[in-house]
Amino acid sequence: VTKNGKPISLAQAFKRRVVDMIDFLFFGIVAFITIKNTPDHQRLGDLLANTIVIGGENIDCPNCYEQLTLSADELLKHEFACPKCNVTTKIQEARVT
């Protein structure tokens, strides 16, 4: 998605892919270093296209310990409301699994 949570354009998708050859040089070490050293864990292609990859994270609610999979909107807002206990929690306070 774009940095503001909207779907990416065709041009942004192209920009992300055009840099793949650089990202995956030396068995992906370039991508690994870039991901580890950017606040939003972006590859070079994401930096060029101003995009981020979201999703796939499971979070344990710190109140009721329910395991949840967060939506893109919740990930972008850095908070979620647990449907089981109805407590809103900042992602930094929850445990990512």
PDB file of N, CA and C in Angstrom:
ATOM      1  N   VAL A   1       0.848  -1.176   0.000  1.00  0.00           N
ATOM      2  CA  VAL A   1       0.000   0.000   0.000  1.00  0.00           C
ATOM      3  C   VAL A   1       0.892   1.237   0.000  1.00  0.00           C
ATOM      4  N   THR A   2       0.295   2.385  -0.305  1.00  0.00           N
ATOM      5  CA  THR A   2       1.053   3.633  -0.199  1.00  0.00           C
ATOM      6  C   THR A   2       1.258   3.947   1.274  1.00  0.00           C
ATOM      7  N   LYS A   3       2.116   4.910   1.553  1.00  0.00           N
ATOM      8  CA  LYS A   3       2.402   5.256   2.950  1.00  0.00           C
ATOM      9  C   LYS A   3       1.156   5.749   3.692  1.00  0.00           C
ATOM     10  N   ASN A   4       0.132   6.210   2.954  1.00  0.00           N
ATOM     11  CA  ASN A   4      -1.093   6.663   3.626  1.00  0.00           C
ATOM     12  C   ASN A   4      -2.200   5.611   3.587  1.00  0.00           C
ATOM     13  N   GLY A   5      -1.865   4.360   3.164  1.00  0.00           N
ATOM     14  CA  GLY A   5      -2.812   3.254   3.252  1.00  0.00           C
ATOM     15  C   GLY A   5      -3.649   2.993   2.029  1.00  0.00           C
ATOM     16  N   LYS A   6      -3.434   3.725   0.961  1.00  0.00           N
ATOM     17  CA  LYS A   6      -4.225   3.535  -0.263  1.00  0.00           C
ATOM     18  C   LYS A   6      -3.553   2.484  -1.156  1.00  0.00           C
ATOM     19  N   PRO A   7      -4.331   1.868  -2.054  1.00  0.00           N
ATOM     20  CA  PRO A   7      -3.734   0.902  -2.987  1.00  0.00           C
ATOM     21  C   PRO A   7      -2.691   1.581  -3.876  1.00  0.00           C
ATOM     22  N   ILE A   8      -1.672   0.829  -4.264  1.00  0.00           N
ATOM     23  CA  ILE A   8      -0.620   1.408  -5.091  1.00  0.00           C
ATOM     24  C   ILE A   8      -1.067   1.514  -6.540  1.00  0.00           C
ATOM     25  N   SER A   9      -0.452   2.446  -7.253  1.00  0.00           N
ATOM     26  CA  SER A   9      -0.748   2.635  -8.676  1.00  0.00           C
ATOM     27  C   SER A   9       0.119   1.696  -9.508  1.00  0.00           C
ATOM     28  N   LEU A  10      -0.175   1.613 -10.789  1.00  0.00           N
ATOM     29  CA  LEU A  10       0.623   0.804 -11.698  1.00  0.00           C
ATOM     30  C   LEU A  10       2.062   1.326 -11.750  1.00  0.00           C
ATOM     31  N   ALA A  11       2.225   2.632 -11.744  1.00  0.00           N
ATOM     32  CA  ALA A  11       3.563   3.234 -11.763  1.00  0.00           C
ATOM     33  C   ALA A  11       4.343   2.858 -10.500  1.00  0.00           C
ATOM     34  N   GLN A  12       3.690   2.866  -9.354  1.00  0.00           N
ATOM     35  CA  GLN A  12       4.361   2.494  -8.114  1.00  0.00           C
ATOM     36  C   GLN A  12       4.746   1.015  -8.120  1.00  0.00           C
ATOM     37  N   ALA A  13       3.871   0.181  -8.654  1.00  0.00           N
ATOM     38  CA  ALA A  13       4.192  -1.245  -8.755  1.00  0.00           C
ATOM     39  C   ALA A  13       5.407  -1.450  -9.661  1.00  0.00           C
ATOM     40  N   PHE A  14       5.465  -0.709 -10.758  1.00  0.00           N
ATOM     41  CA  PHE A  14       6.604  -0.796 -11.664  1.00  0.00           C
ATOM     42  C   PHE A  14       7.889  -0.343 -10.965  1.00  0.00           C
ATOM     43  N   LYS A  15       7.817   0.768 -10.238  1.00  0.00           N
ATOM     44  CA  LYS A  15       8.994   1.269  -9.520  1.00  0.00           C
ATOM     45  C   LYS A  15       9.502   0.247  -8.508  1.00  0.00           C
ATOM     46  N   ARG A  16       8.583  -0.410  -7.810  1.00  0.00           N
ATOM     47  CA  ARG A  16       8.984  -1.420  -6.824  1.00  0.00           C
ATOM     48  C   ARG A  16       9.747  -2.558  -7.493  1.00  0.00           C
ATOM     49  N   ARG A  17       9.281  -2.986  -8.655  1.00  0.00           N
ATOM     50  CA  ARG A  17       9.880  -4.139  -9.341  1.00  0.00           C
ATOM     51  C   ARG A  17      11.156  -3.800 -10.098  1.00  0.00           C
ATOM     52  N   VAL A  18      11.278  -2.566 -10.579  1.00  0.00           N
ATOM     53  CA  VAL A  18      12.448  -2.202 -11.367  1.00  0.00           C
ATOM     54  C   VAL A  18      13.731  -2.261 -10.527  1.00  0.00           C
ATOM     55  N   VAL A  19      13.605  -2.150  -9.225  1.00  0.00           N
ATOM     56  CA  VAL A  19      14.759  -2.147  -8.338  1.00  0.00           C
ATOM     57  C   VAL A  19      15.048  -3.550  -7.777  1.00  0.00           C
ATOM     58  N   ASP A  20      14.234  -4.537  -8.119  1.00  0.00           N
ATOM     59  CA  ASP A  20      14.424  -5.895  -7.591  1.00  0.00           C
ATOM     60  C   ASP A  20      15.832  -6.432  -7.828  1.00  0.00           C
ATOM     61  N   MET A  21      16.384  -6.155  -8.995  1.00  0.00           N
ATOM     62  CA  MET A  21      17.722  -6.687  -9.287  1.00  0.00           C
ATOM     63  C   MET A  21      18.764  -6.158  -8.295  1.00  0.00           C
ATOM     64  N   ILE A  22      18.620  -4.910  -7.901  1.00  0.00           N
ATOM     65  CA  ILE A  22      19.547  -4.338  -6.915  1.00  0.00           C
ATOM     66  C   ILE A  22      19.242  -4.902  -5.530  1.00  0.00           C
ATOM     67  N   ASP A  23      17.954  -4.961  -5.191  1.00  0.00           N
ATOM     68  CA  ASP A  23      17.554  -5.473  -3.875  1.00  0.00           C
ATOM     69  C   ASP A  23      18.064  -6.888  -3.633  1.00  0.00           C
ATOM     70  N   PHE A  24      18.070  -7.709  -4.655  1.00  0.00           N
ATOM     71  CA  PHE A  24      18.402  -9.117  -4.463  1.00  0.00           C
ATOM     72  C   PHE A  24      19.838  -9.466  -4.853  1.00  0.00           C
ATOM     73  N   LEU A  25      20.678  -8.442  -5.029  1.00  0.00           N
ATOM     74  CA  LEU A  25      22.091  -8.691  -5.259  1.00  0.00           C
ATOM     75  C   LEU A  25      22.692  -9.402  -4.053  1.00  0.00           C
ATOM     76  N   PHE A  26      23.650 -10.220  -4.298  1.00  0.00           N
ATOM     77  CA  PHE A  26      24.357 -10.935  -3.230  1.00  0.00           C
ATOM     78  C   PHE A  26      23.385 -11.666  -2.302  1.00  0.00           C
ATOM     79  N   PHE A  27      22.473 -12.413  -2.910  1.00  0.00           N
ATOM     80  CA  PHE A  27      21.513 -13.259  -2.174  1.00  0.00           C
ATOM     81  C   PHE A  27      20.596 -12.461  -1.250  1.00  0.00           C
ATOM     82  N   GLY A  28      20.239 -11.248  -1.651  1.00  0.00           N
ATOM     83  CA  GLY A  28      19.289 -10.445  -0.894  1.00  0.00           C
ATOM     84  C   GLY A  28      19.878  -9.615   0.224  1.00  0.00           C
ATOM     85  N   ILE A  29      21.184  -9.557   0.305  1.00  0.00           N
ATOM     86  CA  ILE A  29      21.812  -8.813   1.404  1.00  0.00           C
ATOM     87  C   ILE A  29      21.479  -7.320   1.331  1.00  0.00           C
ATOM     88  N   VAL A  30      21.352  -6.776   0.112  1.00  0.00           N
ATOM     89  CA  VAL A  30      21.001  -5.357  -0.037  1.00  0.00           C
ATOM     90  C   VAL A  30      19.607  -5.110   0.544  1.00  0.00           C
ATOM     91  N   ALA A  31      18.650  -5.967   0.186  1.00  0.00           N
ATOM     92  CA  ALA A  31      17.292  -5.830   0.713  1.00  0.00           C
ATOM     93  C   ALA A  31      17.281  -6.003   2.225  1.00  0.00           C
ATOM     94  N   PHE A  32      18.011  -6.986   2.726  1.00  0.00           N
ATOM     95  CA  PHE A  32      18.058  -7.250   4.167  1.00  0.00           C
ATOM     96  C   PHE A  32      18.572  -6.030   4.930  1.00  0.00           C
ATOM     97  N   ILE A  33      19.653  -5.448   4.450  1.00  0.00           N
ATOM     98  CA  ILE A  33      20.227  -4.271   5.118  1.00  0.00           C
ATOM     99  C   ILE A  33      19.266  -3.095   5.067  1.00  0.00           C
ATOM    100  N   THR A  34      18.642  -2.893   3.910  1.00  0.00           N
ATOM    101  CA  THR A  34      17.698  -1.777   3.772  1.00  0.00           C
ATOM    102  C   THR A  34      16.487  -1.967   4.683  1.00  0.00           C
ATOM    103  N   ILE A  35      15.932  -3.154   4.707  1.00  0.00           N
ATOM    104  CA  ILE A  35      14.762  -3.436   5.547  1.00  0.00           C
ATOM    105  C   ILE A  35      15.086  -3.225   7.024  1.00  0.00           C
ATOM    106  N   LYS A  36      16.232  -3.690   7.455  1.00  0.00           N
ATOM    107  CA  LYS A  36      16.613  -3.565   8.860  1.00  0.00           C
ATOM    108  C   LYS A  36      16.911  -2.124   9.280  1.00  0.00           C
ATOM    109  N   ASN A  37      17.241  -1.259   8.320  1.00  0.00           N
ATOM    110  CA  ASN A  37      17.662   0.103   8.653  1.00  0.00           C
ATOM    111  C   ASN A  37      16.668   1.190   8.261  1.00  0.00           C
ATOM    112  N   THR A  38      15.445   0.826   7.920  1.00  0.00           N
ATOM    113  CA  THR A  38      14.413   1.829   7.636  1.00  0.00           C
ATOM    114  C   THR A  38      13.294   1.674   8.656  1.00  0.00           C
ATOM    115  N   PRO A  39      12.707   2.775   9.101  1.00  0.00           N
ATOM    116  CA  PRO A  39      11.682   2.699  10.157  1.00  0.00           C
ATOM    117  C   PRO A  39      10.463   1.864   9.778  1.00  0.00           C
ATOM    118  N   ASP A  40      10.085   1.880   8.486  1.00  0.00           N
ATOM    119  CA  ASP A  40       8.916   1.112   8.045  1.00  0.00           C
ATOM    120  C   ASP A  40       9.308  -0.202   7.395  1.00  0.00           C
ATOM    121  N   HIS A  41      10.563  -0.634   7.572  1.00  0.00           N
ATOM    122  CA  HIS A  41      11.067  -1.906   7.050  1.00  0.00           C
ATOM    123  C   HIS A  41      10.858  -2.020   5.540  1.00  0.00           C
ATOM    124  N   GLN A  42      11.338  -1.017   4.805  1.00  0.00           N
ATOM    125  CA  GLN A  42      11.151  -0.958   3.360  1.00  0.00           C
ATOM    126  C   GLN A  42      12.396  -1.412   2.607  1.00  0.00           C
ATOM    127  N   ARG A  43      12.167  -2.051   1.446  1.00  0.00           N
ATOM    128  CA  ARG A  43      13.240  -2.358   0.515  1.00  0.00           C
ATOM    129  C   ARG A  43      13.523  -1.102  -0.306  1.00  0.00           C
ATOM    130  N   LEU A  44      14.544  -1.160  -1.142  1.00  0.00           N
ATOM    131  CA  LEU A  44      14.840  -0.021  -2.022  1.00  0.00           C
ATOM    132  C   LEU A  44      13.663   0.289  -2.931  1.00  0.00           C
ATOM    133  N   GLY A  45      13.021  -0.739  -3.468  1.00  0.00           N
ATOM    134  CA  GLY A  45      11.861  -0.537  -4.338  1.00  0.00           C
ATOM    135  C   GLY A  45      10.726   0.178  -3.630  1.00  0.00           C
ATOM    136  N   ASP A  46      10.501  -0.153  -2.367  1.00  0.00           N
ATOM    137  CA  ASP A  46       9.466   0.522  -1.585  1.00  0.00           C
ATOM    138  C   ASP A  46       9.828   1.975  -1.326  1.00  0.00           C
ATOM    139  N   LEU A  47      11.104   2.228  -1.062  1.00  0.00           N
ATOM    140  CA  LEU A  47      11.540   3.610  -0.844  1.00  0.00           C
ATOM    141  C   LEU A  47      11.348   4.440  -2.112  1.00  0.00           C
ATOM    142  N   LEU A  48      11.710   3.871  -3.260  1.00  0.00           N
ATOM    143  CA  LEU A  48      11.551   4.566  -4.533  1.00  0.00           C
ATOM    144  C   LEU A  48      10.082   4.839  -4.851  1.00  0.00           C
ATOM    145  N   ALA A  49       9.218   3.864  -4.605  1.00  0.00           N
ATOM    146  CA  ALA A  49       7.796   3.985  -4.935  1.00  0.00           C
ATOM    147  C   ALA A  49       6.966   4.617  -3.823  1.00  0.00           C
ATOM    148  N   ASN A  50       7.580   4.885  -2.669  1.00  0.00           N
ATOM    149  CA  ASN A  50       6.868   5.430  -1.508  1.00  0.00           C
ATOM    150  C   ASN A  50       5.727   4.502  -1.071  1.00  0.00           C
ATOM    151  N   THR A  51       6.063   3.216  -0.925  1.00  0.00           N
ATOM    152  CA  THR A  51       5.097   2.202  -0.519  1.00  0.00           C
ATOM    153  C   THR A  51       5.614   1.448   0.691  1.00  0.00           C
ATOM    154  N   ILE A  52       4.711   0.713   1.336  1.00  0.00           N
ATOM    155  CA  ILE A  52       5.083  -0.176   2.435  1.00  0.00           C
ATOM    156  C   ILE A  52       4.338  -1.497   2.252  1.00  0.00           C
ATOM    157  N   VAL A  53       4.883  -2.554   2.795  1.00  0.00           N
ATOM    158  CA  VAL A  53       4.232  -3.860   2.783  1.00  0.00           C
ATOM    159  C   VAL A  53       3.638  -4.068   4.168  1.00  0.00           C
ATOM    160  N   ILE A  54       2.355  -4.388   4.204  1.00  0.00           N
ATOM    161  CA  ILE A  54       1.695  -4.590   5.496  1.00  0.00           C
ATOM    162  C   ILE A  54       0.963  -5.913   5.504  1.00  0.00           C
ATOM    163  N   GLY A  55       0.664  -6.393   6.685  1.00  0.00           N
ATOM    164  CA  GLY A  55      -0.137  -7.595   6.834  1.00  0.00           C
ATOM    165  C   GLY A  55       0.681  -8.785   7.274  1.00  0.00           C
ATOM    166  N   GLY A  56      -0.023  -9.801   7.695  1.00  0.00           N
ATOM    167  CA  GLY A  56       0.617 -11.041   8.094  1.00  0.00           C
ATOM    168  C   GLY A  56       1.049 -11.093   9.542  1.00  0.00           C
ATOM    169  N   GLU A  57       0.903 -10.004  10.285  1.00  0.00           N
ATOM    170  CA  GLU A  57       1.322 -10.000  11.680  1.00  0.00           C
ATOM    171  C   GLU A  57       0.191 -10.493  12.578  1.00  0.00           C
ATOM    172  N   ASN A  58       0.541 -11.373  13.492  1.00  0.00           N
ATOM    173  CA  ASN A  58      -0.398 -11.798  14.525  1.00  0.00           C
ATOM    174  C   ASN A  58      -0.013 -11.086  15.811  1.00  0.00           C
ATOM    175  N   ILE A  59      -1.017 -10.630  16.533  1.00  0.00           N
ATOM    176  CA  ILE A  59      -0.812  -9.874  17.769  1.00  0.00           C
ATOM    177  C   ILE A  59      -1.594 -10.558  18.877  1.00  0.00           C
ATOM    178  N   ASP A  60      -0.993 -10.636  20.049  1.00  0.00           N
ATOM    179  CA  ASP A  60      -1.718 -11.110  21.222  1.00  0.00           C
ATOM    180  C   ASP A  60      -2.244  -9.900  21.977  1.00  0.00           C
ATOM    181  N   CYS A  61      -3.539  -9.886  22.251  1.00  0.00           N
ATOM    182  CA  CYS A  61      -4.119  -8.817  23.052  1.00  0.00           C
ATOM    183  C   CYS A  61      -3.519  -8.890  24.451  1.00  0.00           C
ATOM    184  N   PRO A  62      -2.954  -7.787  24.958  1.00  0.00           N
ATOM    185  CA  PRO A  62      -2.337  -7.837  26.290  1.00  0.00           C
ATOM    186  C   PRO A  62      -3.360  -7.955  27.425  1.00  0.00           C
ATOM    187  N   ASN A  63      -4.633  -7.717  27.126  1.00  0.00           N
ATOM    188  CA  ASN A  63      -5.668  -7.786  28.156  1.00  0.00           C
ATOM    189  C   ASN A  63      -6.238  -9.200  28.308  1.00  0.00           C
ATOM    190  N   CYS A  64      -6.624  -9.823  27.173  1.00  0.00           N
ATOM    191  CA  CYS A  64      -7.272 -11.139  27.245  1.00  0.00           C
ATOM    192  C   CYS A  64      -6.452 -12.248  26.577  1.00  0.00           C
ATOM    193  N   TYR A  65      -5.311 -11.883  25.972  1.00  0.00           N
ATOM    194  CA  TYR A  65      -4.389 -12.816  25.322  1.00  0.00           C
ATOM    195  C   TYR A  65      -4.977 -13.507  24.095  1.00  0.00           C
ATOM    196  N   GLU A  66      -6.036 -12.940  23.544  1.00  0.00           N
ATOM    197  CA  GLU A  66      -6.607 -13.447  22.294  1.00  0.00           C
ATOM    198  C   GLU A  66      -5.620 -13.157  21.163  1.00  0.00           C
ATOM    199  N   GLN A  67      -5.374 -14.144  20.297  1.00  0.00           N
ATOM    200  CA  GLN A  67      -4.480 -13.918  19.173  1.00  0.00           C
ATOM    201  C   GLN A  67      -5.295 -13.352  18.011  1.00  0.00           C
ATOM    202  N   LEU A  68      -4.832 -12.209  17.485  1.00  0.00           N
ATOM    203  CA  LEU A  68      -5.556 -11.494  16.442  1.00  0.00           C
ATOM    204  C   LEU A  68      -4.667 -11.278  15.226  1.00  0.00           C
ATOM    205  N   THR A  69      -5.282 -11.230  14.053  1.00  0.00           N
ATOM    206  CA  THR A  69      -4.594 -10.801  12.842  1.00  0.00           C
ATOM    207  C   THR A  69      -5.151  -9.434  12.508  1.00  0.00           C
ATOM    208  N   LEU A  70      -4.285  -8.437  12.458  1.00  0.00           N
ATOM    209  CA  LEU A  70      -4.722  -7.058  12.296  1.00  0.00           C
ATOM    210  C   LEU A  70      -4.983  -6.698  10.845  1.00  0.00           C
ATOM    211  N   SER A  71      -5.894  -5.755  10.664  1.00  0.00           N
ATOM    212  CA  SER A  71      -6.194  -5.238   9.331  1.00  0.00           C
ATOM    213  C   SER A  71      -5.135  -4.213   8.933  1.00  0.00           C
ATOM    214  N   ALA A  72      -5.119  -3.873   7.653  1.00  0.00           N
ATOM    215  CA  ALA A  72      -4.180  -2.859   7.164  1.00  0.00           C
ATOM    216  C   ALA A  72      -4.416  -1.535   7.880  1.00  0.00           C
ATOM    217  N   ASP A  73      -5.667  -1.177   8.095  1.00  0.00           N
ATOM    218  CA  ASP A  73      -5.988   0.080   8.770  1.00  0.00           C
ATOM    219  C   ASP A  73      -5.450   0.098  10.195  1.00  0.00           C
ATOM    220  N   GLU A  74      -5.603  -1.001  10.909  1.00  0.00           N
ATOM    221  CA  GLU A  74      -5.094  -1.080  12.284  1.00  0.00           C
ATOM    222  C   GLU A  74      -3.571  -0.993  12.312  1.00  0.00           C
ATOM    223  N   LEU A  75      -2.925  -1.650  11.359  1.00  0.00           N
ATOM    224  CA  LEU A  75      -1.468  -1.592  11.299  1.00  0.00           C
ATOM    225  C   LEU A  75      -0.982  -0.185  11.009  1.00  0.00           C
ATOM    226  N   LEU A  76      -1.671   0.528  10.119  1.00  0.00           N
ATOM    227  CA  LEU A  76      -1.263   1.892   9.787  1.00  0.00           C
ATOM    228  C   LEU A  76      -1.519   2.858  10.941  1.00  0.00           C
ATOM    229  N   LYS A  77      -2.570   2.613  11.721  1.00  0.00           N
ATOM    230  CA  LYS A  77      -2.871   3.469  12.874  1.00  0.00           C
ATOM    231  C   LYS A  77      -2.050   3.099  14.103  1.00  0.00           C
ATOM    232  N   HIS A  78      -1.397   1.935  14.073  1.00  0.00           N
ATOM    233  CA  HIS A  78      -0.598   1.433  15.193  1.00  0.00           C
ATOM    234  C   HIS A  78      -1.430   1.201  16.448  1.00  0.00           C
ATOM    235  N   GLU A  79      -2.690   0.833  16.257  1.00  0.00           N
ATOM    236  CA  GLU A  79      -3.530   0.450  17.384  1.00  0.00           C
ATOM    237  C   GLU A  79      -4.662  -0.438  16.891  1.00  0.00           C
ATOM    238  N   PHE A  80      -5.216  -1.216  17.806  1.00  0.00           N
ATOM    239  CA  PHE A  80      -6.316  -2.105  17.452  1.00  0.00           C
ATOM    240  C   PHE A  80      -7.281  -2.205  18.617  1.00  0.00           C
ATOM    241  N   ALA A  81      -8.519  -2.565  18.300  1.00  0.00           N
ATOM    242  CA  ALA A  81      -9.523  -2.824  19.320  1.00  0.00           C
ATOM    243  C   ALA A  81      -9.801  -4.323  19.309  1.00  0.00           C
ATOM    244  N   CYS A  82      -9.592  -4.962  20.426  1.00  0.00           N
ATOM    245  CA  CYS A  82      -9.802  -6.403  20.529  1.00  0.00           C
ATOM    246  C   CYS A  82     -11.301  -6.692  20.482  1.00  0.00           C
ATOM    247  N   PRO A  83     -11.749  -7.551  19.570  1.00  0.00           N
ATOM    248  CA  PRO A  83     -13.185  -7.850  19.498  1.00  0.00           C
ATOM    249  C   PRO A  83     -13.682  -8.687  20.678  1.00  0.00           C
ATOM    250  N   LYS A  84     -12.786  -9.351  21.371  1.00  0.00           N
ATOM    251  CA  LYS A  84     -13.200 -10.201  22.500  1.00  0.00           C
ATOM    252  C   LYS A  84     -13.412  -9.376  23.771  1.00  0.00           C
ATOM    253  N   CYS A  85     -12.437  -8.500  24.098  1.00  0.00           N
ATOM    254  CA  CYS A  85     -12.535  -7.759  25.360  1.00  0.00           C
ATOM    255  C   CYS A  85     -12.846  -6.269  25.162  1.00  0.00           C
ATOM    256  N   ASN A  86     -12.908  -5.808  23.906  1.00  0.00           N
ATOM    257  CA  ASN A  86     -13.240  -4.419  23.555  1.00  0.00           C
ATOM    258  C   ASN A  86     -12.276  -3.383  24.122  1.00  0.00           C
ATOM    259  N   VAL A  87     -11.003  -3.758  24.291  1.00  0.00           N
ATOM    260  CA  VAL A  87      -9.987  -2.830  24.768  1.00  0.00           C
ATOM    261  C   VAL A  87      -9.160  -2.372  23.571  1.00  0.00           C
ATOM    262  N   THR A  88      -8.962  -1.052  23.456  1.00  0.00           N
ATOM    263  CA  THR A  88      -8.113  -0.509  22.405  1.00  0.00           C
ATOM    264  C   THR A  88      -6.686  -0.452  22.915  1.00  0.00           C
ATOM    265  N   THR A  89      -5.759  -0.954  22.102  1.00  0.00           N
ATOM    266  CA  THR A  89      -4.366  -1.105  22.516  1.00  0.00           C
ATOM    267  C   THR A  89      -3.437  -0.576  21.439  1.00  0.00           C
ATOM    268  N   LYS A  90      -2.388   0.113  21.846  1.00  0.00           N
ATOM    269  CA  LYS A  90      -1.321   0.512  20.929  1.00  0.00           C
ATOM    270  C   LYS A  90      -0.523  -0.733  20.571  1.00  0.00           C
ATOM    271  N   ILE A  91      -0.075  -0.829  19.332  1.00  0.00           N
ATOM    272  CA  ILE A  91       0.637  -2.024  18.886  1.00  0.00           C
ATOM    273  C   ILE A  91       1.924  -2.230  19.656  1.00  0.00           C
ATOM    274  N   GLN A  92       2.621  -1.167  20.068  1.00  0.00           N
ATOM    275  CA  GLN A  92       3.866  -1.307  20.805  1.00  0.00           C
ATOM    276  C   GLN A  92       3.652  -2.020  22.142  1.00  0.00           C
ATOM    277  N   GLU A  93       2.443  -1.931  22.697  1.00  0.00           N
ATOM    278  CA  GLU A  93       2.143  -2.556  23.979  1.00  0.00           C
ATOM    279  C   GLU A  93       1.802  -4.031  23.829  1.00  0.00           C
ATOM    280  N   ALA A  94       1.416  -4.444  22.631  1.00  0.00           N
ATOM    281  CA  ALA A  94       1.016  -5.820  22.394  1.00  0.00           C
ATOM    282  C   ALA A  94       2.223  -6.649  21.962  1.00  0.00           C
ATOM    283  N   ARG A  95       2.082  -7.941  22.039  1.00  0.00           N
ATOM    284  CA  ARG A  95       3.159  -8.843  21.663  1.00  0.00           C
ATOM    285  C   ARG A  95       2.899  -9.381  20.261  1.00  0.00           C
ATOM    286  N   VAL A  96       3.851  -9.118  19.352  1.00  0.00           N
ATOM    287  CA  VAL A  96       3.738  -9.615  17.985  1.00  0.00           C
ATOM    288  C   VAL A  96       4.242 -11.049  17.976  1.00  0.00           C
ATOM    289  N   THR A  97       3.452 -11.940  17.363  1.00  0.00           N
ATOM    290  CA  THR A  97       3.847 -13.349  17.301  1.00  0.00           C
ATOM    291  C   THR A  97       3.947 -13.815  15.874  1.00  0.00           C
TER     292      THR A  97
END
